[in-house]
Protein backbone atom coordinates (compact mmCIF):
# COMPACT_ATOMS: atom_id res chain seq x y z
CA MET A 1 -0.17 0.14 0.03
CA LEU A 2 1.41 3.35 -1.10
CA ALA A 3 0.06 5.17 2.06
CA ASP A 4 2.55 2.94 4.14
CA ARG A 5 5.50 3.87 2.37
CA LYS A 6 7.68 6.68 4.47
CA GLN A 7 8.13 9.59 2.06
CA PRO A 8 10.89 11.45 2.37
CA ALA A 9 11.38 14.65 4.21
CA ARG A 10 10.95 17.51 1.96
CA ARG A 11 13.35 20.80 2.48
CA ALA A 12 11.34 24.02 2.47
CA ALA A 13 11.69 26.31 -0.80
CA ARG A 14 14.07 28.84 -0.54
CA PRO A 15 13.06 31.93 -1.96
CA LEU A 16 14.30 33.21 -5.40
CA GLY A 17 17.12 35.38 -4.54
CA SER A 18 18.22 34.13 -1.19
CA VAL A 19 21.12 32.34 -0.03
CA ASP A 20 20.54 30.41 3.59
CA GLY A 21 21.97 32.82 6.34
CA MET A 22 22.49 35.45 4.21
CA SER A 23 21.47 39.10 6.11
CA ALA A 24 19.95 40.62 2.98
CA PRO A 25 18.27 38.64 0.26
CA LEU A 26 19.75 39.44 -3.05
CA GLU A 27 17.65 41.70 -5.70
CA ILE A 28 16.50 39.04 -8.51
CA ALA A 29 14.49 40.66 -11.42
CA ALA A 30 13.57 39.12 -14.73
CA CYS A 31 16.28 39.75 -17.29
CA ARG A 32 15.41 42.43 -19.98
CA ARG A 33 18.08 41.35 -22.71
CA LEU A 34 20.17 43.98 -21.42
CA CYS A 35 22.46 41.75 -18.70
CA SER A 36 25.77 43.69 -18.03
CA TRP A 37 26.89 42.14 -14.92
CA ALA A 38 29.95 43.91 -12.67
CA GLU A 39 31.36 43.89 -9.21
CA THR A 40 29.59 46.74 -7.16
CA GLY A 41 32.59 46.91 -4.80
CA ARG A 42 30.48 46.22 -2.10
CA LEU A 43 30.03 43.00 -0.02
CA ARG A 44 27.25 40.98 1.27
CA ASP A 45 28.11 38.71 4.15
CA GLY A 46 31.85 38.75 3.37
CA GLU A 47 31.17 37.92 -0.62
CA ARG A 48 31.78 40.25 -2.97
CA LEU A 49 28.30 41.47 -4.76
CA PHE A 50 27.73 41.73 -8.36
CA ALA A 51 24.83 43.58 -10.18
CA CYS A 52 23.30 43.78 -13.53
CA SER A 53 22.99 47.74 -14.69
CA GLY A 54 20.36 45.94 -16.80
CA CYS A 55 17.84 44.55 -14.41
CA GLY A 56 18.97 45.42 -11.36
CA SER A 57 19.68 41.63 -10.22
CA GLU A 58 22.31 40.69 -7.71
CA TRP A 59 24.75 38.04 -7.52
CA VAL A 60 27.40 36.22 -5.18
CA ALA A 61 29.26 32.97 -5.65
CA SER A 62 27.29 30.98 -3.31
CA GLU A 63 24.51 31.35 -5.46
CA PRO A 64 23.47 28.14 -7.12
CA TRP A 65 23.50 30.17 -10.73
CA THR A 66 25.73 31.96 -12.76
CA PRO A 67 25.16 35.42 -14.20
CA ILE A 68 25.33 35.75 -18.02
CA ASP A 69 26.09 38.85 -20.07
CA HIS A 70 23.50 39.98 -22.91
CA THR A 71 26.03 38.34 -24.89
CA GLY A 72 25.59 35.00 -23.80
CA VAL A 73 29.35 35.43 -22.02
CA ILE A 74 30.26 34.55 -18.63
CA PRO A 75 31.68 38.00 -17.41
CA PRO A 76 35.40 37.65 -16.57
CA ALA A 77 35.01 39.12 -13.29
CA VAL A 78 32.28 36.36 -12.44
CA GLN A 79 34.03 33.77 -13.68
CA ALA A 80 37.80 34.72 -11.60
CA GLU A 81 35.15 34.85 -8.32
CA ARG A 82 34.09 31.12 -9.29
CA ARG A 83 37.82 30.31 -9.52
CA ARG A 84 38.36 31.64 -6.30
CA GLY A 85 36.68 28.61 -4.94
CA ARG A 86 33.53 30.12 -3.51
CA GLY A 87 29.79 28.76 -4.49
């Protein structure tokens, strides 16, 4: 009987634009085909904060996704941050 089977515990889905343990959620907006990612010079919980000048989204290396510019290329600064071993 299916009802007798133990179901695996479900993790609560985390809200889009947040990293577990971050002091403030990241801004995540829909891409408008204008994406241009750059380092902001600020830190978010000790991580370098990147932002898109096209849609206003934010990114840190511990996020499970990687920003891509409107050209379809991962910006060199983002690649360098990934190589640092974060995220």
